[in-house]
Structure formats: C-alpha cells, structure tokens
Amino acid sequence: MLLTQGRYWKSSFAKSSKAITLELQRDSLPEDLRELRELRIEIPLGKWNRVLKYARSDRKLLGGMLLDFAKHKDHVGVAVTNDRLYFELQRTLVDSTVSLVEAGTLSLGVVDVGGI
C-alpha cells in the first residue's frame, strides 16, 4: 500500500512483512545524487515510533536511527546531510504516519508521564 509519494521520497507499507519502506525516487534525483538510487530503508511497524520521535529533531539522531534499518548504510549519511532530501524525508515520515493512522494500521494513544 502506497502511503505517500513526494518529489524525492516514497513510502509504502507491506502488510505481509509489517514494515514501512522508505525509498528514493530514482528518476527524480539530481545528477550529483545518483549514487543514492539504491537507498531503501525498511522500518518494522513496531519500531516506527522510535524513528518518528526523531523526525523533527537533530539530523544525526534521525540518521542514526535510519542506519539500523537501511541496507546501504553509507548512503543514509549522504541523504540526511542533503537539505532537499532531508526536509522531504521529514515530511514523508509525518505524512506516512497520518496515512497509517487513517488506514487503522497505527493507533495513537495517551502516554502517562507521571501525573503531569
């Protein structure tokens, strides 16, 4: 199931593997980033909250999280340091979350933080 598709990033969800796949759109990459064509990140649904937690924080934290799920780990650093790819990646993560919630695949809940 396609979750979201932007200029550079696309995300999809496979119910069979229960994983969200983030991949770069090969044809839309600028010439200087063609080396990233093979970047594919498969995040298990159970780990999605860990990644989403850092989506709007520091690049290094998000990149470090994504390293755990990428096959071509050397490409993750290049993608996260490129402003165009990084900002669209952030948007893709948030839009994918909305799509997962709307489809009933992911649910939101209230977390008790100790009486606050």
PDB file of N, CA and C in Angstrom:
ATOM      1  N   MET A   1       0.850  -1.162   0.000  1.00  0.00           N
ATOM      2  CA  MET A   1       0.000   0.000   0.000  1.00  0.00           C
ATOM      3  C   MET A   1       0.906   1.238   0.000  1.00  0.00           C
ATOM      4  N   LEU A   2       0.699   2.107  -0.973  1.00  0.00           N
ATOM      5  CA  LEU A   2       1.451   3.349  -1.048  1.00  0.00           C
ATOM      6  C   LEU A   2       0.942   4.301   0.032  1.00  0.00           C
ATOM      7  N   LEU A   3       1.837   4.809   0.845  1.00  0.00           N
ATOM      8  CA  LEU A   3       1.460   5.731   1.914  1.00  0.00           C
ATOM      9  C   LEU A   3       1.573   7.177   1.456  1.00  0.00           C
ATOM     10  N   THR A   4       2.716   7.526   0.918  1.00  0.00           N
ATOM     11  CA  THR A   4       2.924   8.892   0.441  1.00  0.00           C
ATOM     12  C   THR A   4       4.037   8.884  -0.604  1.00  0.00           C
ATOM     13  N   GLN A   5       3.961   9.862  -1.493  1.00  0.00           N
ATOM     14  CA  GLN A   5       4.961   9.973  -2.533  1.00  0.00           C
ATOM     15  C   GLN A   5       5.239  11.440  -2.779  1.00  0.00           C
ATOM     16  N   GLY A   6       6.490  11.825  -2.645  1.00  0.00           N
ATOM     17  CA  GLY A   6       6.907  13.192  -2.885  1.00  0.00           C
ATOM     18  C   GLY A   6       7.811  13.258  -4.099  1.00  0.00           C
ATOM     19  N   ARG A   7       8.519  14.346  -4.214  1.00  0.00           N
ATOM     20  CA  ARG A   7       9.426  14.502  -5.343  1.00  0.00           C
ATOM     21  C   ARG A   7      10.595  13.518  -5.262  1.00  0.00           C
ATOM     22  N   TYR A   8      11.160  13.348  -4.063  1.00  0.00           N
ATOM     23  CA  TYR A   8      12.332  12.500  -3.900  1.00  0.00           C
ATOM     24  C   TYR A   8      12.054  11.192  -3.171  1.00  0.00           C
ATOM     25  N   TRP A   9      11.165  11.213  -2.180  1.00  0.00           N
ATOM     26  CA  TRP A   9      10.916  10.045  -1.339  1.00  0.00           C
ATOM     27  C   TRP A   9       9.554   9.437  -1.604  1.00  0.00           C
ATOM     28  N   LYS A  10       9.469   8.146  -1.411  1.00  0.00           N
ATOM     29  CA  LYS A  10       8.206   7.407  -1.498  1.00  0.00           C
ATOM     30  C   LYS A  10       8.174   6.456  -0.319  1.00  0.00           C
ATOM     31  N   SER A  11       7.000   6.298   0.288  1.00  0.00           N
ATOM     32  CA  SER A  11       6.868   5.327   1.371  1.00  0.00           C
ATOM     33  C   SER A  11       5.686   4.411   1.089  1.00  0.00           C
ATOM     34  N   SER A  12       5.868   3.158   1.488  1.00  0.00           N
ATOM     35  CA  SER A  12       4.799   2.179   1.299  1.00  0.00           C
ATOM     36  C   SER A  12       4.783   1.237   2.499  1.00  0.00           C
ATOM     37  N   PHE A  13       3.662   0.560   2.656  1.00  0.00           N
ATOM     38  CA  PHE A  13       3.502  -0.370   3.770  1.00  0.00           C
ATOM     39  C   PHE A  13       3.115  -1.729   3.214  1.00  0.00           C
ATOM     40  N   ALA A  14       3.859  -2.744   3.612  1.00  0.00           N
ATOM     41  CA  ALA A  14       3.558  -4.117   3.211  1.00  0.00           C
ATOM     42  C   ALA A  14       2.971  -4.851   4.415  1.00  0.00           C
ATOM     43  N   LYS A  15       1.703  -5.215   4.318  1.00  0.00           N
ATOM     44  CA  LYS A  15       1.062  -5.910   5.430  1.00  0.00           C
ATOM     45  C   LYS A  15       1.714  -7.260   5.702  1.00  0.00           C
ATOM     46  N   SER A  16       2.225  -7.892   4.656  1.00  0.00           N
ATOM     47  CA  SER A  16       2.825  -9.216   4.829  1.00  0.00           C
ATOM     48  C   SER A  16       4.086  -9.163   5.698  1.00  0.00           C
ATOM     49  N   SER A  17       4.890  -8.123   5.528  1.00  0.00           N
ATOM     50  CA  SER A  17       6.112  -8.021   6.323  1.00  0.00           C
ATOM     51  C   SER A  17       5.963  -7.078   7.508  1.00  0.00           C
ATOM     52  N   LYS A  18       4.829  -6.381   7.575  1.00  0.00           N
ATOM     53  CA  LYS A  18       4.563  -5.398   8.630  1.00  0.00           C
ATOM     54  C   LYS A  18       5.714  -4.406   8.761  1.00  0.00           C
ATOM     55  N   ALA A  19       6.131  -3.868   7.601  1.00  0.00           N
ATOM     56  CA  ALA A  19       7.227  -2.908   7.573  1.00  0.00           C
ATOM     57  C   ALA A  19       6.882  -1.757   6.636  1.00  0.00           C
ATOM     58  N   ILE A  20       7.356  -0.579   6.998  1.00  0.00           N
ATOM     59  CA  ILE A  20       7.216   0.606   6.161  1.00  0.00           C
ATOM     60  C   ILE A  20       8.524   0.749   5.389  1.00  0.00           C
ATOM     61  N   THR A  21       8.409   0.898   4.093  1.00  0.00           N
ATOM     62  CA  THR A  21       9.582   1.036   3.243  1.00  0.00           C
ATOM     63  C   THR A  21       9.698   2.465   2.763  1.00  0.00           C
ATOM     64  N   LEU A  22      10.848   3.067   3.017  1.00  0.00           N
ATOM     65  CA  LEU A  22      11.181   4.391   2.501  1.00  0.00           C
ATOM     66  C   LEU A  22      12.204   4.194   1.400  1.00  0.00           C
ATOM     67  N   GLU A  23      11.949   4.783   0.243  1.00  0.00           N
ATOM     68  CA  GLU A  23      12.925   4.682  -0.828  1.00  0.00           C
ATOM     69  C   GLU A  23      12.943   5.962  -1.643  1.00  0.00           C
ATOM     70  N   LEU A  24      14.105   6.208  -2.212  1.00  0.00           N
ATOM     71  CA  LEU A  24      14.274   7.393  -3.042  1.00  0.00           C
ATOM     72  C   LEU A  24      13.717   7.132  -4.428  1.00  0.00           C
ATOM     73  N   GLN A  25      13.093   8.151  -5.001  1.00  0.00           N
ATOM     74  CA  GLN A  25      12.597   8.083  -6.378  1.00  0.00           C
ATOM     75  C   GLN A  25      13.803   8.193  -7.297  1.00  0.00           C
ATOM     76  N   ARG A  26      14.116   7.162  -7.961  1.00  0.00           N
ATOM     77  CA  ARG A  26      15.351   7.107  -8.751  1.00  0.00           C
ATOM     78  C   ARG A  26      15.396   8.139  -9.866  1.00  0.00           C
ATOM     79  N   ASP A  27      14.295   8.341 -10.549  1.00  0.00           N
ATOM     80  CA  ASP A  27      14.295   9.224 -11.720  1.00  0.00           C
ATOM     81  C   ASP A  27      14.333  10.703 -11.371  1.00  0.00           C
ATOM     82  N   SER A  28      13.955  11.055 -10.153  1.00  0.00           N
ATOM     83  CA  SER A  28      13.879  12.466  -9.795  1.00  0.00           C
ATOM     84  C   SER A  28      15.130  12.994  -9.097  1.00  0.00           C
ATOM     85  N   LEU A  29      16.080  12.122  -8.827  1.00  0.00           N
ATOM     86  CA  LEU A  29      17.292  12.562  -8.129  1.00  0.00           C
ATOM     87  C   LEU A  29      18.158  13.444  -9.026  1.00  0.00           C
ATOM     88  N   PRO A  30      18.706  14.508  -8.465  1.00  0.00           N
ATOM     89  CA  PRO A  30      19.650  15.321  -9.233  1.00  0.00           C
ATOM     90  C   PRO A  30      20.884  14.498  -9.603  1.00  0.00           C
ATOM     91  N   GLU A  31      21.568  14.926 -10.606  1.00  0.00           N
ATOM     92  CA  GLU A  31      22.733  14.184 -11.114  1.00  0.00           C
ATOM     93  C   GLU A  31      23.779  13.921 -10.035  1.00  0.00           C
ATOM     94  N   ASP A  32      24.006  14.894  -9.143  1.00  0.00           N
ATOM     95  CA  ASP A  32      25.032  14.722  -8.115  1.00  0.00           C
ATOM     96  C   ASP A  32      24.631  13.733  -7.019  1.00  0.00           C
ATOM     97  N   LEU A  33      23.372  13.292  -7.018  1.00  0.00           N
ATOM     98  CA  LEU A  33      22.906  12.336  -6.001  1.00  0.00           C
ATOM     99  C   LEU A  33      22.507  10.984  -6.593  1.00  0.00           C
ATOM    100  N   ARG A  34      22.878  10.737  -7.830  1.00  0.00           N
ATOM    101  CA  ARG A  34      22.508   9.481  -8.495  1.00  0.00           C
ATOM    102  C   ARG A  34      23.040   8.248  -7.769  1.00  0.00           C
ATOM    103  N   GLU A  35      24.098   8.413  -7.014  1.00  0.00           N
ATOM    104  CA  GLU A  35      24.666   7.284  -6.275  1.00  0.00           C
ATOM    105  C   GLU A  35      23.702   6.739  -5.227  1.00  0.00           C
ATOM    106  N   LEU A  36      22.700   7.521  -4.868  1.00  0.00           N
ATOM    107  CA  LEU A  36      21.751   7.116  -3.820  1.00  0.00           C
ATOM    108  C   LEU A  36      20.569   6.322  -4.357  1.00  0.00           C
ATOM    109  N   ARG A  37      20.584   5.996  -5.632  1.00  0.00           N
ATOM    110  CA  ARG A  37      19.433   5.321  -6.249  1.00  0.00           C
ATOM    111  C   ARG A  37      19.035   4.044  -5.536  1.00  0.00           C
ATOM    112  N   GLU A  38      19.965   3.386  -4.914  1.00  0.00           N
ATOM    113  CA  GLU A  38      19.679   2.098  -4.273  1.00  0.00           C
ATOM    114  C   GLU A  38      19.253   2.228  -2.807  1.00  0.00           C
ATOM    115  N   LEU A  39      19.136   3.440  -2.298  1.00  0.00           N
ATOM    116  CA  LEU A  39      18.792   3.608  -0.884  1.00  0.00           C
ATOM    117  C   LEU A  39      17.363   3.153  -0.627  1.00  0.00           C
ATOM    118  N   ARG A  40      17.248   2.199   0.267  1.00  0.00           N
ATOM    119  CA  ARG A  40      15.948   1.636   0.655  1.00  0.00           C
ATOM    120  C   ARG A  40      16.020   1.354   2.148  1.00  0.00           C
ATOM    121  N   ILE A  41      15.045   1.863   2.872  1.00  0.00           N
ATOM    122  CA  ILE A  41      15.025   1.716   4.320  1.00  0.00           C
ATOM    123  C   ILE A  41      13.722   1.018   4.697  1.00  0.00           C
ATOM    124  N   GLU A  42      13.834  -0.129   5.347  1.00  0.00           N
ATOM    125  CA  GLU A  42      12.656  -0.897   5.758  1.00  0.00           C
ATOM    126  C   GLU A  42      12.539  -0.868   7.276  1.00  0.00           C
ATOM    127  N   ILE A  43      11.535  -0.152   7.746  1.00  0.00           N
ATOM    128  CA  ILE A  43      11.339   0.040   9.179  1.00  0.00           C
ATOM    129  C   ILE A  43      10.169  -0.826   9.648  1.00  0.00           C
ATOM    130  N   PRO A  44      10.404  -1.756  10.560  1.00  0.00           N
ATOM    131  CA  PRO A  44       9.296  -2.550  11.095  1.00  0.00           C
ATOM    132  C   PRO A  44       8.268  -1.638  11.764  1.00  0.00           C
ATOM    133  N   LEU A  45       7.008  -1.974  11.606  1.00  0.00           N
ATOM    134  CA  LEU A  45       5.939  -1.153  12.167  1.00  0.00           C
ATOM    135  C   LEU A  45       6.122  -0.951  13.669  1.00  0.00           C
ATOM    136  N   GLY A  46       6.602  -1.945  14.364  1.00  0.00           N
ATOM    137  CA  GLY A  46       6.823  -1.845  15.800  1.00  0.00           C
ATOM    138  C   GLY A  46       7.913  -0.852  16.189  1.00  0.00           C
ATOM    139  N   LYS A  47       8.771  -0.488  15.260  1.00  0.00           N
ATOM    140  CA  LYS A  47       9.864   0.464  15.517  1.00  0.00           C
ATOM    141  C   LYS A  47       9.558   1.857  14.962  1.00  0.00           C
ATOM    142  N   TRP A  48       8.410   2.014  14.324  1.00  0.00           N
ATOM    143  CA  TRP A  48       8.068   3.282  13.669  1.00  0.00           C
ATOM    144  C   TRP A  48       8.080   4.460  14.635  1.00  0.00           C
ATOM    145  N   ASN A  49       7.547   4.277  15.831  1.00  0.00           N
ATOM    146  CA  ASN A  49       7.510   5.374  16.808  1.00  0.00           C
ATOM    147  C   ASN A  49       8.906   5.864  17.173  1.00  0.00           C
ATOM    148  N   ARG A  50       9.879   4.950  17.246  1.00  0.00           N
ATOM    149  CA  ARG A  50      11.261   5.354  17.549  1.00  0.00           C
ATOM    150  C   ARG A  50      11.807   6.276  16.470  1.00  0.00           C
ATOM    151  N   VAL A  51      11.520   5.960  15.223  1.00  0.00           N
ATOM    152  CA  VAL A  51      12.000   6.787  14.110  1.00  0.00           C
ATOM    153  C   VAL A  51      11.245   8.113  14.086  1.00  0.00           C
ATOM    154  N   LEU A  52       9.938   8.053  14.233  1.00  0.00           N
ATOM    155  CA  LEU A  52       9.119   9.259  14.182  1.00  0.00           C
ATOM    156  C   LEU A  52       9.483  10.234  15.295  1.00  0.00           C
ATOM    157  N   LYS A  53       9.892   9.715  16.425  1.00  0.00           N
ATOM    158  CA  LYS A  53      10.286  10.552  17.561  1.00  0.00           C
ATOM    159  C   LYS A  53      11.396  11.525  17.179  1.00  0.00           C
ATOM    160  N   TYR A  54      12.281  11.107  16.298  1.00  0.00           N
ATOM    161  CA  TYR A  54      13.412  11.946  15.904  1.00  0.00           C
ATOM    162  C   TYR A  54      13.217  12.622  14.549  1.00  0.00           C
ATOM    163  N   ALA A  55      12.044  12.510  13.962  1.00  0.00           N
ATOM    164  CA  ALA A  55      11.809  13.075  12.630  1.00  0.00           C
ATOM    165  C   ALA A  55      11.999  14.580  12.593  1.00  0.00           C
ATOM    166  N   ARG A  56      11.643  15.262  13.648  1.00  0.00           N
ATOM    167  CA  ARG A  56      11.759  16.725  13.671  1.00  0.00           C
ATOM    168  C   ARG A  56      12.887  17.201  14.584  1.00  0.00           C
ATOM    169  N   SER A  57      13.812  16.327  14.881  1.00  0.00           N
ATOM    170  CA  SER A  57      14.910  16.726  15.761  1.00  0.00           C
ATOM    171  C   SER A  57      16.206  16.800  14.970  1.00  0.00           C
ATOM    172  N   ASP A  58      17.271  16.484  15.588  1.00  0.00           N
ATOM    173  CA  ASP A  58      18.601  16.578  15.016  1.00  0.00           C
ATOM    174  C   ASP A  58      18.808  15.589  13.865  1.00  0.00           C
ATOM    175  N   ARG A  59      19.476  16.031  12.819  1.00  0.00           N
ATOM    176  CA  ARG A  59      19.767  15.167  11.669  1.00  0.00           C
ATOM    177  C   ARG A  59      20.538  13.920  12.067  1.00  0.00           C
ATOM    178  N   LYS A  60      21.500  14.095  12.952  1.00  0.00           N
ATOM    179  CA  LYS A  60      22.338  12.964  13.348  1.00  0.00           C
ATOM    180  C   LYS A  60      21.523  11.901  14.072  1.00  0.00           C
ATOM    181  N   LEU A  61      20.590  12.335  14.914  1.00  0.00           N
ATOM    182  CA  LEU A  61      19.751  11.363  15.623  1.00  0.00           C
ATOM    183  C   LEU A  61      18.870  10.590  14.644  1.00  0.00           C
ATOM    184  N   LEU A  62      18.246  11.305  13.723  1.00  0.00           N
ATOM    185  CA  LEU A  62      17.391  10.641  12.740  1.00  0.00           C
ATOM    186  C   LEU A  62      18.229   9.726  11.849  1.00  0.00           C
ATOM    187  N   GLY A  63      19.361  10.226  11.379  1.00  0.00           N
ATOM    188  CA  GLY A  63      20.233   9.400  10.550  1.00  0.00           C
ATOM    189  C   GLY A  63      20.707   8.148  11.265  1.00  0.00           C
ATOM    190  N   GLY A  64      21.042   8.291  12.537  1.00  0.00           N
ATOM    191  CA  GLY A  64      21.459   7.140  13.323  1.00  0.00           C
ATOM    192  C   GLY A  64      20.364   6.102  13.465  1.00  0.00           C
ATOM    193  N   MET A  65      19.146   6.561  13.638  1.00  0.00           N
ATOM    194  CA  MET A  65      18.006   5.639  13.727  1.00  0.00           C
ATOM    195  C   MET A  65      17.817   4.906  12.409  1.00  0.00           C
ATOM    196  N   LEU A  66      17.911   5.633  11.304  1.00  0.00           N
ATOM    197  CA  LEU A  66      17.679   5.026   9.996  1.00  0.00           C
ATOM    198  C   LEU A  66      18.778   4.035   9.619  1.00  0.00           C
ATOM    199  N   LEU A  67      19.975   4.235  10.141  1.00  0.00           N
ATOM    200  CA  LEU A  67      21.068   3.300   9.856  1.00  0.00           C
ATOM    201  C   LEU A  67      20.719   1.874  10.267  1.00  0.00           C
ATOM    202  N   ASP A  68      19.954   1.746  11.342  1.00  0.00           N
ATOM    203  CA  ASP A  68      19.576   0.418  11.828  1.00  0.00           C
ATOM    204  C   ASP A  68      18.734  -0.360  10.814  1.00  0.00           C
ATOM    205  N   PHE A  69      18.054   0.352   9.909  1.00  0.00           N
ATOM    206  CA  PHE A  69      17.091  -0.294   9.026  1.00  0.00           C
ATOM    207  C   PHE A  69      17.466  -0.234   7.542  1.00  0.00           C
ATOM    208  N   ALA A  70      18.592   0.383   7.207  1.00  0.00           N
ATOM    209  CA  ALA A  70      18.988   0.547   5.802  1.00  0.00           C
ATOM    210  C   ALA A  70      19.940  -0.553   5.360  1.00  0.00           C
ATOM    211  N   LYS A  71      19.826  -0.936   4.104  1.00  0.00           N
ATOM    212  CA  LYS A  71      20.739  -1.918   3.535  1.00  0.00           C
ATOM    213  C   LYS A  71      22.042  -1.247   3.118  1.00  0.00           C
ATOM    214  N   HIS A  72      21.961  -0.088   2.503  1.00  0.00           N
ATOM    215  CA  HIS A  72      23.142   0.657   2.063  1.00  0.00           C
ATOM    216  C   HIS A  72      23.411   1.761   3.072  1.00  0.00           C
ATOM    217  N   LYS A  73      24.041   1.405   4.155  1.00  0.00           N
ATOM    218  CA  LYS A  73      24.226   2.314   5.279  1.00  0.00           C
ATOM    219  C   LYS A  73      25.051   3.554   4.923  1.00  0.00           C
ATOM    220  N   ASP A  74      25.972   3.428   3.995  1.00  0.00           N
ATOM    221  CA  ASP A  74      26.788   4.575   3.610  1.00  0.00           C
ATOM    222  C   ASP A  74      25.981   5.652   2.888  1.00  0.00           C
ATOM    223  N   HIS A  75      24.850   5.279   2.299  1.00  0.00           N
ATOM    224  CA  HIS A  75      24.006   6.250   1.602  1.00  0.00           C
ATOM    225  C   HIS A  75      23.131   7.069   2.549  1.00  0.00           C
ATOM    226  N   VAL A  76      22.858   6.543   3.732  1.00  0.00           N
ATOM    227  CA  VAL A  76      21.993   7.246   4.680  1.00  0.00           C
ATOM    228  C   VAL A  76      22.602   8.587   5.075  1.00  0.00           C
ATOM    229  N   GLY A  77      23.880   8.600   5.382  1.00  0.00           N
ATOM    230  CA  GLY A  77      24.545   9.848   5.761  1.00  0.00           C
ATOM    231  C   GLY A  77      24.480  10.905   4.678  1.00  0.00           C
ATOM    232  N   VAL A  78      24.667  10.499   3.433  1.00  0.00           N
ATOM    233  CA  VAL A  78      24.593  11.443   2.307  1.00  0.00           C
ATOM    234  C   VAL A  78      23.180  11.997   2.176  1.00  0.00           C
ATOM    235  N   ALA A  79      22.171  11.137   2.306  1.00  0.00           N
ATOM    236  CA  ALA A  79      20.785  11.576   2.175  1.00  0.00           C
ATOM    237  C   ALA A  79      20.380  12.535   3.288  1.00  0.00           C
ATOM    238  N   VAL A  80      20.834  12.267   4.504  1.00  0.00           N
ATOM    239  CA  VAL A  80      20.445  13.098   5.646  1.00  0.00           C
ATOM    240  C   VAL A  80      21.175  14.443   5.644  1.00  0.00           C
ATOM    241  N   THR A  81      22.374  14.497   5.083  1.00  0.00           N
ATOM    242  CA  THR A  81      23.099  15.772   5.054  1.00  0.00           C
ATOM    243  C   THR A  81      22.671  16.673   3.899  1.00  0.00           C
ATOM    244  N   ASN A  82      21.980  16.132   2.918  1.00  0.00           N
ATOM    245  CA  ASN A  82      21.478  16.941   1.813  1.00  0.00           C
ATOM    246  C   ASN A  82      20.174  17.607   2.245  1.00  0.00           C
ATOM    247  N   ASP A  83      20.133  18.933   2.219  1.00  0.00           N
ATOM    248  CA  ASP A  83      18.954  19.663   2.705  1.00  0.00           C
ATOM    249  C   ASP A  83      17.670  19.270   1.998  1.00  0.00           C
ATOM    250  N   ARG A  84      17.683  19.200   0.674  1.00  0.00           N
ATOM    251  CA  ARG A  84      16.458  18.868  -0.072  1.00  0.00           C
ATOM    252  C   ARG A  84      15.928  17.500   0.323  1.00  0.00           C
ATOM    253  N   LEU A  85      16.809  16.521   0.386  1.00  0.00           N
ATOM    254  CA  LEU A  85      16.385  15.166   0.731  1.00  0.00           C
ATOM    255  C   LEU A  85      15.957  15.063   2.196  1.00  0.00           C
ATOM    256  N   TYR A  86      16.665  15.733   3.073  1.00  0.00           N
ATOM    257  CA  TYR A  86      16.354  15.669   4.500  1.00  0.00           C
ATOM    258  C   TYR A  86      14.984  16.276   4.810  1.00  0.00           C
ATOM    259  N   PHE A  87      14.718  17.464   4.266  1.00  0.00           N
ATOM    260  CA  PHE A  87      13.444  18.117   4.569  1.00  0.00           C
ATOM    261  C   PHE A  87      12.266  17.346   3.976  1.00  0.00           C
ATOM    262  N   GLU A  88      12.447  16.770   2.799  1.00  0.00           N
ATOM    263  CA  GLU A  88      11.361  15.962   2.266  1.00  0.00           C
ATOM    264  C   GLU A  88      11.226  14.644   3.022  1.00  0.00           C
ATOM    265  N   LEU A  89      12.316  14.105   3.515  1.00  0.00           N
ATOM    266  CA  LEU A  89      12.242  12.899   4.342  1.00  0.00           C
ATOM    267  C   LEU A  89      11.418  13.165   5.597  1.00  0.00           C
ATOM    268  N   GLN A  90      11.641  14.293   6.244  1.00  0.00           N
ATOM    269  CA  GLN A  90      10.847  14.656   7.424  1.00  0.00           C
ATOM    270  C   GLN A  90       9.360  14.698   7.081  1.00  0.00           C
ATOM    271  N   ARG A  91       9.048  15.345   5.978  1.00  0.00           N
ATOM    272  CA  ARG A  91       7.649  15.460   5.543  1.00  0.00           C
ATOM    273  C   ARG A  91       7.076  14.077   5.210  1.00  0.00           C
ATOM    274  N   THR A  92       7.879  13.235   4.593  1.00  0.00           N
ATOM    275  CA  THR A  92       7.429  11.883   4.244  1.00  0.00           C
ATOM    276  C   THR A  92       7.130  11.056   5.487  1.00  0.00           C
ATOM    277  N   LEU A  93       7.957  11.177   6.509  1.00  0.00           N
ATOM    278  CA  LEU A  93       7.721  10.439   7.756  1.00  0.00           C
ATOM    279  C   LEU A  93       6.409  10.858   8.409  1.00  0.00           C
ATOM    280  N   VAL A  94       6.150  12.151   8.458  1.00  0.00           N
ATOM    281  CA  VAL A  94       4.917  12.648   9.067  1.00  0.00           C
ATOM    282  C   VAL A  94       3.706  12.259   8.228  1.00  0.00           C
ATOM    283  N   ASP A  95       3.778  12.445   6.917  1.00  0.00           N
ATOM    284  CA  ASP A  95       2.659  12.086   6.046  1.00  0.00           C
ATOM    285  C   ASP A  95       2.374  10.585   6.076  1.00  0.00           C
ATOM    286  N   SER A  96       3.418   9.785   6.169  1.00  0.00           N
ATOM    287  CA  SER A  96       3.238   8.333   6.259  1.00  0.00           C
ATOM    288  C   SER A  96       2.522   7.952   7.547  1.00  0.00           C
ATOM    289  N   THR A  97       2.865   8.634   8.622  1.00  0.00           N
ATOM    290  CA  THR A  97       2.211   8.378   9.907  1.00  0.00           C
ATOM    291  C   THR A  97       0.727   8.689   9.822  1.00  0.00           C
ATOM    292  N   VAL A  98       0.396   9.801   9.209  1.00  0.00           N
ATOM    293  CA  VAL A  98      -1.012  10.178   9.039  1.00  0.00           C
ATOM    294  C   VAL A  98      -1.740   9.114   8.221  1.00  0.00           C
ATOM    295  N   SER A  99      -1.128   8.661   7.143  1.00  0.00           N
ATOM    296  CA  SER A  99      -1.750   7.623   6.308  1.00  0.00           C
ATOM    297  C   SER A  99      -1.948   6.322   7.073  1.00  0.00           C
ATOM    298  N   LEU A 100      -0.963   5.947   7.896  1.00  0.00           N
ATOM    299  CA  LEU A 100      -1.088   4.725   8.689  1.00  0.00           C
ATOM    300  C   LEU A 100      -2.202   4.834   9.726  1.00  0.00           C
ATOM    301  N   VAL A 101      -2.335   6.000  10.337  1.00  0.00           N
ATOM    302  CA  VAL A 101      -3.403   6.205  11.318  1.00  0.00           C
ATOM    303  C   VAL A 101      -4.756   6.182  10.630  1.00  0.00           C
ATOM    304  N   GLU A 102      -4.866   6.858   9.490  1.00  0.00           N
ATOM    305  CA  GLU A 102      -6.133   6.893   8.755  1.00  0.00           C
ATOM    306  C   GLU A 102      -6.553   5.504   8.279  1.00  0.00           C
ATOM    307  N   ALA A 103      -5.587   4.660   7.938  1.00  0.00           N
ATOM    308  CA  ALA A 103      -5.889   3.303   7.479  1.00  0.00           C
ATOM    309  C   ALA A 103      -6.184   2.348   8.634  1.00  0.00           C
ATOM    310  N   GLY A 104      -5.976   2.800   9.873  1.00  0.00           N
ATOM    311  CA  GLY A 104      -6.221   1.959  11.030  1.00  0.00           C
ATOM    312  C   GLY A 104      -5.082   0.998  11.327  1.00  0.00           C
ATOM    313  N   THR A 105      -3.955   1.178  10.678  1.00  0.00           N
ATOM    314  CA  THR A 105      -2.794   0.312  10.884  1.00  0.00           C
ATOM    315  C   THR A 105      -2.005   0.719  12.115  1.00  0.00           C
ATOM    316  N   LEU A 106      -2.007   1.995  12.412  1.00  0.00           N
ATOM    317  CA  LEU A 106      -1.278   2.553  13.540  1.00  0.00           C
ATOM    318  C   LEU A 106      -2.271   3.336  14.388  1.00  0.00           C
ATOM    319  N   SER A 107      -2.160   3.203  15.684  1.00  0.00           N
ATOM    320  CA  SER A 107      -3.073   3.957  16.548  1.00  0.00           C
ATOM    321  C   SER A 107      -2.267   4.859  17.472  1.00  0.00           C
ATOM    322  N   LEU A 108      -2.891   5.950  17.824  1.00  0.00           N
ATOM    323  CA  LEU A 108      -2.289   6.894  18.737  1.00  0.00           C
ATOM    324  C   LEU A 108      -2.884   6.692  20.110  1.00  0.00           C
ATOM    325  N   GLY A 109      -2.088   6.888  21.121  1.00  0.00           N
ATOM    326  CA  GLY A 109      -2.579   6.728  22.483  1.00  0.00           C
ATOM    327  C   GLY A 109      -1.992   7.778  23.397  1.00  0.00           C
ATOM    328  N   VAL A 110      -2.589   7.896  24.557  1.00  0.00           N
ATOM    329  CA  VAL A 110      -2.107   8.834  25.566  1.00  0.00           C
ATOM    330  C   VAL A 110      -1.087   8.119  26.423  1.00  0.00           C
ATOM    331  N   VAL A 111       0.026   8.794  26.654  1.00  0.00           N
ATOM    332  CA  VAL A 111       1.083   8.227  27.466  1.00  0.00           C
ATOM    333  C   VAL A 111       1.052   8.910  28.845  1.00  0.00           C
ATOM    334  N   ASP A 112       1.025   8.123  29.888  1.00  0.00           N
ATOM    335  CA  ASP A 112       1.054   8.662  31.236  1.00  0.00           C
ATOM    336  C   ASP A 112       2.481   9.040  31.570  1.00  0.00           C
ATOM    337  N   VAL A 113       2.686  10.316  31.864  1.00  0.00           N
ATOM    338  CA  VAL A 113       4.036  10.799  32.170  1.00  0.00           C
ATOM    339  C   VAL A 113       4.210  11.115  33.641  1.00  0.00           C
ATOM    340  N   GLY A 114       3.510  10.423  34.476  1.00  0.00           N
ATOM    341  CA  GLY A 114       3.711  10.553  35.921  1.00  0.00           C
ATOM    342  C   GLY A 114       3.011  11.729  36.556  1.00  0.00           C
ATOM    343  N   GLY A 115       1.752  11.926  36.238  1.00  0.00           N
ATOM    344  CA  GLY A 115       0.958  12.925  36.937  1.00  0.00           C
ATOM    345  C   GLY A 115       1.057  14.347  36.392  1.00  0.00           C
ATOM    346  N   ILE A 116       1.570  14.504  35.223  1.00  0.00           N
ATOM    347  CA  ILE A 116       1.633  15.862  34.648  1.00  0.00           C
ATOM    348  C   ILE A 116       0.326  16.196  33.999  1.00  0.00           C
TER     349      ILE A 116
END
